[in-house]
Amino acid sequence: MTVPPAKPLRLGLLQYPVEKPASIAAFGAKLDRWLAEAAPRADLLVLPEYACVELGAALVGRDATDEPTELAAMVAHADAILAEMRAAARRAGTWLLAGTLPMRNGERIVARAPLIAPDGRCAFQEKRTMTRFEDERWGIQAGAPPNVFDTPWGRLGVSICYDVEFPKHVRAQVEAGAWLILAPSCTDSRHGATRVRVSAAARAIENQCYVATTPTVGEAPWSAALDVNRGQAAVFGPADRGFPEDGVLAAGTPDEAGWVFCALDPAKLEEVRQHGAVRNHRDWPRRPIPAPMPAVFA
């Protein structure tokens, strides 16, 4: 497969404030406001996982306090919500990762992240691994294996929230040529936010790549799924020569709405992969590691 050349990218991450839009059109108007603010400053804008689920109450017609009813309403209106996301990207003239959207894929309901071009074309990454909430209470099922996306800045990957906590999901995308991994998230506690943040930082170190996360923030008592939202947008790189000592290139204020911007240069990754203090990308085990055997004390 031919990997397009990687180019510098201006990235915008939205710590998305959950609110209670009255309709899909009102949700689109909210997107317009936020995208208009950021589009002049970034090439690619990223919304968090399940941001659009704030529409649950509007679609159900009352506070959506039980998970199956809310999910059914979201799935029933998924095409209209996606159309509004695509229209918002066209109106702003920007590339947009519009968070994730529960959608039907055959007999299954999956979480799909649409990466939308400025002309409205889109391609999807499905969430591969479900959290206990998604699996046991909400009814969302495991999606397709990881994809990569060819963009004007080269090849990118999307590992949605829980997926970024699994090294092999990100590694598959990096080995396919992705130099930046986008990890939109939705977590309801500092525990969850920490798992995403620490995992994203680890993936950046392991693969000597960039990993970017951004969350939903605020409280939504009208939504069964988005009741509490905590987190912090951040961009991580290798903690090595030419990068910050902690690997953090940019970070937002935890739990506060707003944009976080970061300029990313893929050439710096090639430099550290060749001349860093360590070469994690090159030294990733190419063969299965044998099962550990008990050590013998003598």
Protein backbone atom coordinates (compact mmCIF):
# COMPACT_ATOMS: atom_id res chain seq x y z
CA MET A 1 0.00 0.00 0.00
CA THR A 2 1.21 3.48 -0.84
CA VAL A 3 1.47 5.79 2.17
CA PRO A 4 0.98 9.49 1.32
CA PRO A 5 3.76 11.84 2.45
CA ALA A 6 3.30 13.28 5.93
CA LYS A 7 3.08 17.07 6.24
CA PRO A 8 2.83 19.48 9.21
CA LEU A 9 -0.67 19.82 10.63
CA ARG A 10 -2.42 22.39 12.81
CA LEU A 11 -4.72 20.45 15.14
CA GLY A 12 -7.69 21.73 17.14
CA LEU A 13 -9.20 19.68 19.98
CA LEU A 14 -12.52 20.67 21.56
CA GLN A 15 -13.24 20.00 25.21
CA TYR A 16 -16.91 19.79 24.32
CA PRO A 17 -19.49 21.21 26.75
CA VAL A 18 -22.52 18.92 26.96
CA GLU A 19 -25.72 20.93 26.72
CA LYS A 20 -29.38 20.26 25.92
CA PRO A 21 -30.03 21.23 22.27
CA ALA A 22 -33.71 21.33 21.36
CA SER A 23 -33.28 19.67 17.97
CA ILE A 24 -30.79 18.30 15.47
CA ALA A 25 -30.79 21.72 13.79
CA ALA A 26 -29.91 23.34 17.12
CA PHE A 27 -27.07 20.84 17.50
CA GLY A 28 -25.86 21.89 14.04
CA ALA A 29 -25.99 25.55 15.04
CA LYS A 30 -23.88 24.74 18.10
CA LEU A 31 -21.33 23.03 15.88
CA ASP A 32 -21.29 26.09 13.62
CA ARG A 33 -20.42 28.37 16.54
CA TRP A 34 -17.58 26.23 17.79
CA LEU A 35 -16.16 25.42 14.35
CA ALA A 36 -16.25 29.07 13.26
CA GLU A 37 -14.13 29.97 16.27
CA ALA A 38 -11.46 27.36 15.53
CA ALA A 39 -11.38 26.91 11.75
CA PRO A 40 -9.04 29.88 11.09
CA ARG A 41 -6.50 28.44 13.52
CA ALA A 42 -6.45 24.75 12.60
CA ASP A 43 -6.50 22.38 9.61
CA LEU A 44 -8.26 19.51 11.38
CA LEU A 45 -10.77 19.85 14.24
CA VAL A 46 -11.63 17.03 16.64
CA LEU A 47 -14.77 16.55 18.74
CA PRO A 48 -15.00 13.97 21.53
CA GLU A 49 -16.65 10.58 21.64
CA TYR A 50 -20.47 10.62 21.92
CA ALA A 51 -20.73 14.43 21.88
CA CYS A 52 -23.93 14.19 19.82
CA VAL A 53 -25.61 12.00 22.45
CA GLU A 54 -26.53 15.25 24.20
CA LEU A 55 -29.44 15.14 21.71
CA GLY A 56 -30.99 12.20 23.57
CA ALA A 57 -33.67 14.18 25.39
CA ALA A 58 -34.67 16.10 22.26
CA LEU A 59 -35.03 12.90 20.25
CA VAL A 60 -36.88 10.96 22.96
CA GLY A 61 -39.18 13.91 23.72
CA ARG A 62 -38.38 13.92 27.43
CA ASP A 63 -35.38 13.42 29.69
CA ALA A 64 -33.67 10.26 28.45
CA THR A 65 -33.06 8.56 31.77
CA ASP A 66 -32.91 4.94 30.57
CA GLU A 67 -30.15 3.73 28.30
CA PRO A 68 -32.08 1.55 25.78
CA THR A 69 -34.63 4.27 24.97
CA GLU A 70 -31.95 6.88 24.48
CA LEU A 71 -29.82 4.62 22.30
CA ALA A 72 -32.80 3.61 20.14
CA ALA A 73 -33.63 7.28 19.54
CA MET A 74 -30.04 8.10 18.61
CA VAL A 75 -29.84 5.19 16.17
CA ALA A 76 -33.19 6.07 14.61
CA HIS A 77 -31.94 9.59 13.86
CA ALA A 78 -28.33 8.69 13.09
CA ASP A 79 -28.52 9.53 9.39
CA ALA A 80 -29.95 12.98 10.11
CA ILE A 81 -27.33 13.67 12.78
CA LEU A 82 -24.53 12.59 10.45
CA ALA A 83 -25.96 14.82 7.72
CA GLU A 84 -25.83 17.77 10.14
CA MET A 85 -22.22 16.97 11.03
CA ARG A 86 -21.27 16.84 7.36
CA ALA A 87 -23.10 20.09 6.65
CA ALA A 88 -21.30 21.80 9.55
CA ALA A 89 -17.92 20.75 8.16
CA ARG A 90 -18.90 22.09 4.73
CA ARG A 91 -20.12 25.38 6.18
CA ALA A 92 -16.87 25.84 8.11
CA GLY A 93 -14.74 24.62 5.21
CA THR A 94 -12.73 22.38 7.52
CA TRP A 95 -11.70 18.79 8.14
CA LEU A 96 -13.66 17.48 11.11
CA LEU A 97 -13.52 14.35 13.23
CA ALA A 98 -17.06 14.74 14.55
CA GLY A 99 -16.77 12.57 17.65
CA THR A 100 -18.69 9.29 17.50
CA LEU A 101 -22.24 8.37 16.65
CA PRO A 102 -24.21 5.20 17.51
CA MET A 103 -25.25 3.70 14.17
CA ARG A 104 -26.69 0.47 12.86
CA ASN A 105 -24.34 -1.74 10.88
CA GLY A 106 -26.41 -4.67 9.70
CA GLU A 107 -27.81 -6.37 12.80
CA ARG A 108 -25.39 -4.64 15.15
CA ILE A 109 -25.31 -1.20 16.72
CA VAL A 110 -21.78 0.21 16.67
CA ALA A 111 -20.07 3.47 17.57
CA ARG A 112 -18.70 5.17 14.46
CA ALA A 113 -16.33 8.12 14.25
CA PRO A 114 -16.80 10.01 10.96
CA LEU A 115 -13.78 11.83 9.58
CA ILE A 116 -15.33 14.47 7.33
CA ALA A 117 -13.60 16.39 4.53
CA PRO A 118 -14.44 20.07 3.84
CA ASP A 119 -16.62 19.01 0.90
CA GLY A 120 -18.70 16.71 3.15
CA ARG A 121 -17.24 13.37 2.11
CA CYS A 122 -16.59 11.10 5.07
CA ALA A 123 -15.06 7.80 6.11
CA PHE A 124 -15.48 5.91 9.37
CA GLN A 125 -13.59 4.25 12.18
CA GLU A 126 -15.71 1.98 14.37
CA LYS A 127 -14.93 1.52 18.04
CA ARG A 128 -13.45 -1.93 18.41
CA THR A 129 -13.54 -2.67 22.14
CA MET A 130 -16.54 -1.91 24.33
CA THR A 131 -16.47 -0.70 27.90
CA ARG A 132 -18.67 -2.48 30.42
CA PHE A 133 -21.24 0.34 30.21
CA GLU A 134 -21.49 0.06 26.43
CA ASP A 135 -21.60 -3.73 26.46
CA GLU A 136 -23.70 -4.50 29.54
CA ARG A 137 -26.07 -1.52 29.81
CA TRP A 138 -26.20 0.34 26.51
CA GLY A 139 -26.13 -2.38 23.88
CA ILE A 140 -23.34 -1.12 21.61
CA GLN A 141 -21.28 -3.91 20.07
CA ALA A 142 -17.69 -4.35 18.96
CA GLY A 143 -16.93 -2.69 15.65
CA ALA A 144 -14.56 -3.31 12.76
CA PRO A 145 -10.77 -3.61 13.05
CA PRO A 146 -8.68 -0.43 12.87
CA ASN A 147 -8.57 1.65 9.69
CA VAL A 148 -6.26 4.41 8.57
CA PHE A 149 -7.24 7.61 6.76
CA ASP A 150 -5.35 9.25 3.90
CA THR A 151 -5.51 13.04 4.33
CA PRO A 152 -3.68 16.08 2.95
CA TRP A 153 -1.24 15.68 5.90
CA GLY A 154 -0.54 12.01 5.38
CA ARG A 155 -2.00 8.93 6.99
CA LEU A 156 -3.83 9.24 10.32
CA GLY A 157 -5.51 6.76 12.68
CA VAL A 158 -8.46 6.96 15.08
CA SER A 159 -8.50 4.86 18.27
CA ILE A 160 -11.69 5.73 20.13
CA CYS A 161 -11.44 6.16 23.91
CA TYR A 162 -11.16 2.61 25.30
CA ASP A 163 -9.40 1.46 22.11
CA VAL A 164 -6.40 3.68 22.88
CA GLU A 165 -5.91 1.65 26.07
CA PHE A 166 -4.90 -1.35 23.94
CA PRO A 167 -1.40 -1.19 22.41
CA LYS A 168 -2.10 -3.48 19.46
CA HIS A 169 -4.98 -1.35 18.15
CA VAL A 170 -2.75 1.71 17.85
CA ARG A 171 0.24 -0.32 16.71
CA ALA A 172 -1.70 -1.71 13.75
CA GLN A 173 -2.49 1.84 12.63
CA VAL A 174 1.11 3.02 13.09
CA GLU A 175 2.45 0.03 11.16
CA ALA A 176 0.02 0.96 8.37
CA GLY A 177 1.67 4.39 8.20
CA ALA A 178 -0.32 6.55 10.65
CA TRP A 179 1.87 9.22 12.29
CA LEU A 180 -0.96 10.77 14.33
CA ILE A 181 -3.59 8.90 16.33
CA LEU A 182 -6.77 10.73 17.29
CA ALA A 183 -8.43 9.39 20.44
CA PRO A 184 -11.78 11.13 21.07
CA SER A 185 -13.02 10.20 24.55
CA CYS A 186 -15.98 10.32 26.91
CA THR A 187 -15.32 9.49 30.56
CA ASP A 188 -17.44 10.09 33.65
CA SER A 189 -14.73 10.08 36.33
CA ARG A 190 -11.15 11.09 36.96
CA HIS A 191 -10.34 7.38 36.96
CA GLY A 192 -11.55 7.05 33.39
CA ALA A 193 -9.89 10.27 32.28
CA THR A 194 -6.61 9.09 33.80
CA ARG A 195 -6.79 5.75 32.00
CA VAL A 196 -7.23 7.51 28.66
CA ARG A 197 -4.51 10.10 29.33
CA VAL A 198 -1.91 7.63 30.59
CA SER A 199 -2.67 5.16 27.80
CA ALA A 200 -2.42 7.84 25.12
CA ALA A 201 0.94 8.96 26.50
CA ALA A 202 2.15 5.36 26.53
CA ARG A 203 1.07 4.79 22.91
CA ALA A 204 3.00 7.90 21.86
CA ILE A 205 6.13 6.59 23.57
CA GLU A 206 5.77 3.02 22.31
CA ASN A 207 5.29 4.06 18.70
CA GLN A 208 7.22 7.35 18.66
CA CYS A 209 4.12 8.99 17.18
CA TYR A 210 1.65 11.72 18.17
CA VAL A 211 -1.54 10.84 20.06
CA ALA A 212 -4.29 13.42 20.71
CA THR A 213 -7.25 13.07 23.06
CA THR A 214 -10.26 15.28 23.75
CA PRO A 215 -13.27 14.73 26.07
CA THR A 216 -16.84 15.73 26.72
CA VAL A 217 -17.10 17.97 29.81
CA GLY A 218 -19.94 18.99 32.12
CA GLU A 219 -23.08 17.38 33.52
CA ALA A 220 -26.17 16.25 31.62
CA PRO A 221 -28.80 14.88 34.03
CA TRP A 222 -31.25 14.60 31.12
CA SER A 223 -29.06 11.95 29.44
CA ALA A 224 -28.62 8.36 30.60
CA ALA A 225 -25.25 8.07 28.85
CA LEU A 226 -23.80 11.57 29.29
CA ASP A 227 -24.80 12.20 32.88
CA VAL A 228 -21.30 13.20 34.08
CA ASN A 229 -18.34 14.11 31.87
CA ARG A 230 -14.78 14.70 32.98
CA GLY A 231 -11.50 14.91 31.14
CA GLN A 232 -8.74 16.94 29.53
CA ALA A 233 -7.68 17.42 25.93
CA ALA A 234 -4.00 16.77 25.33
CA VAL A 235 -1.44 16.01 22.64
CA PHE A 236 1.36 13.58 23.43
CA GLY A 237 4.62 12.87 21.65
CA PRO A 238 7.64 10.70 22.40
CA ALA A 239 9.29 11.68 25.68
CA ASP A 240 12.68 11.92 24.04
CA ARG A 241 15.10 14.32 22.37
CA GLY A 242 13.40 17.26 20.71
CA PHE A 243 10.18 16.84 22.74
CA PRO A 244 9.07 17.99 26.21
CA GLU A 245 10.45 15.89 29.04
CA ASP A 246 6.97 14.63 29.94
CA GLY A 247 5.94 14.19 26.31
CA VAL A 248 3.02 16.63 26.64
CA LEU A 249 2.91 19.08 23.72
CA ALA A 250 -0.40 20.75 24.65
CA ALA A 251 -3.11 20.32 27.29
CA GLY A 252 -6.37 21.96 28.26
CA THR A 253 -7.73 22.88 31.65
CA PRO A 254 -9.42 19.76 33.05
CA ASP A 255 -13.23 19.74 32.86
CA GLU A 256 -13.48 23.19 31.21
CA ALA A 257 -14.97 23.79 27.78
CA GLY A 258 -12.74 25.23 25.07
CA TRP A 259 -10.30 24.59 22.25
CA VAL A 260 -6.77 23.30 22.57
CA PHE A 261 -4.49 23.90 19.58
CA CYS A 262 -1.22 22.25 18.66
CA ALA A 263 1.04 22.36 15.59
CA LEU A 264 2.48 18.94 14.73
CA ASP A 265 5.51 18.24 12.56
CA PRO A 266 5.91 14.62 11.42
CA ALA A 267 9.56 15.25 10.54
CA LYS A 268 10.31 15.45 14.26
CA LEU A 269 9.04 11.88 14.63
CA GLU A 270 11.39 10.61 11.94
CA GLU A 271 14.26 12.41 13.65
CA VAL A 272 13.56 10.84 17.04
CA ARG A 273 12.95 7.41 15.52
CA GLN A 274 16.43 7.56 13.98
CA HIS A 275 18.40 9.48 16.61
CA GLY A 276 16.47 9.30 19.87
CA ALA A 277 17.88 7.96 23.12
CA VAL A 278 15.69 4.90 22.46
CA ARG A 279 14.09 3.45 19.32
CA ASN A 280 10.76 2.10 20.50
CA HIS A 281 9.22 2.21 17.03
CA ARG A 282 11.99 0.11 15.53
CA ASP A 283 12.40 -2.18 18.53
CA TRP A 284 8.75 -3.23 18.81
CA PRO A 285 8.87 -7.07 19.03
CA ARG A 286 8.40 -8.52 15.55
CA ARG A 287 7.81 -12.06 16.78
CA PRO A 288 5.43 -13.30 19.48
CA ILE A 289 6.96 -13.16 22.93
CA PRO A 290 7.04 -16.69 24.39
CA ALA A 291 4.82 -17.36 27.40
CA PRO A 292 6.69 -16.65 30.64
CA MET A 293 8.10 -19.67 32.49
CA PRO A 294 8.63 -19.83 36.26
CA ALA A 295 12.15 -18.74 37.13
CA VAL A 296 14.17 -21.29 39.09
CA PHE A 297 15.78 -20.18 42.33
CA ALA A 298 19.05 -21.92 43.08
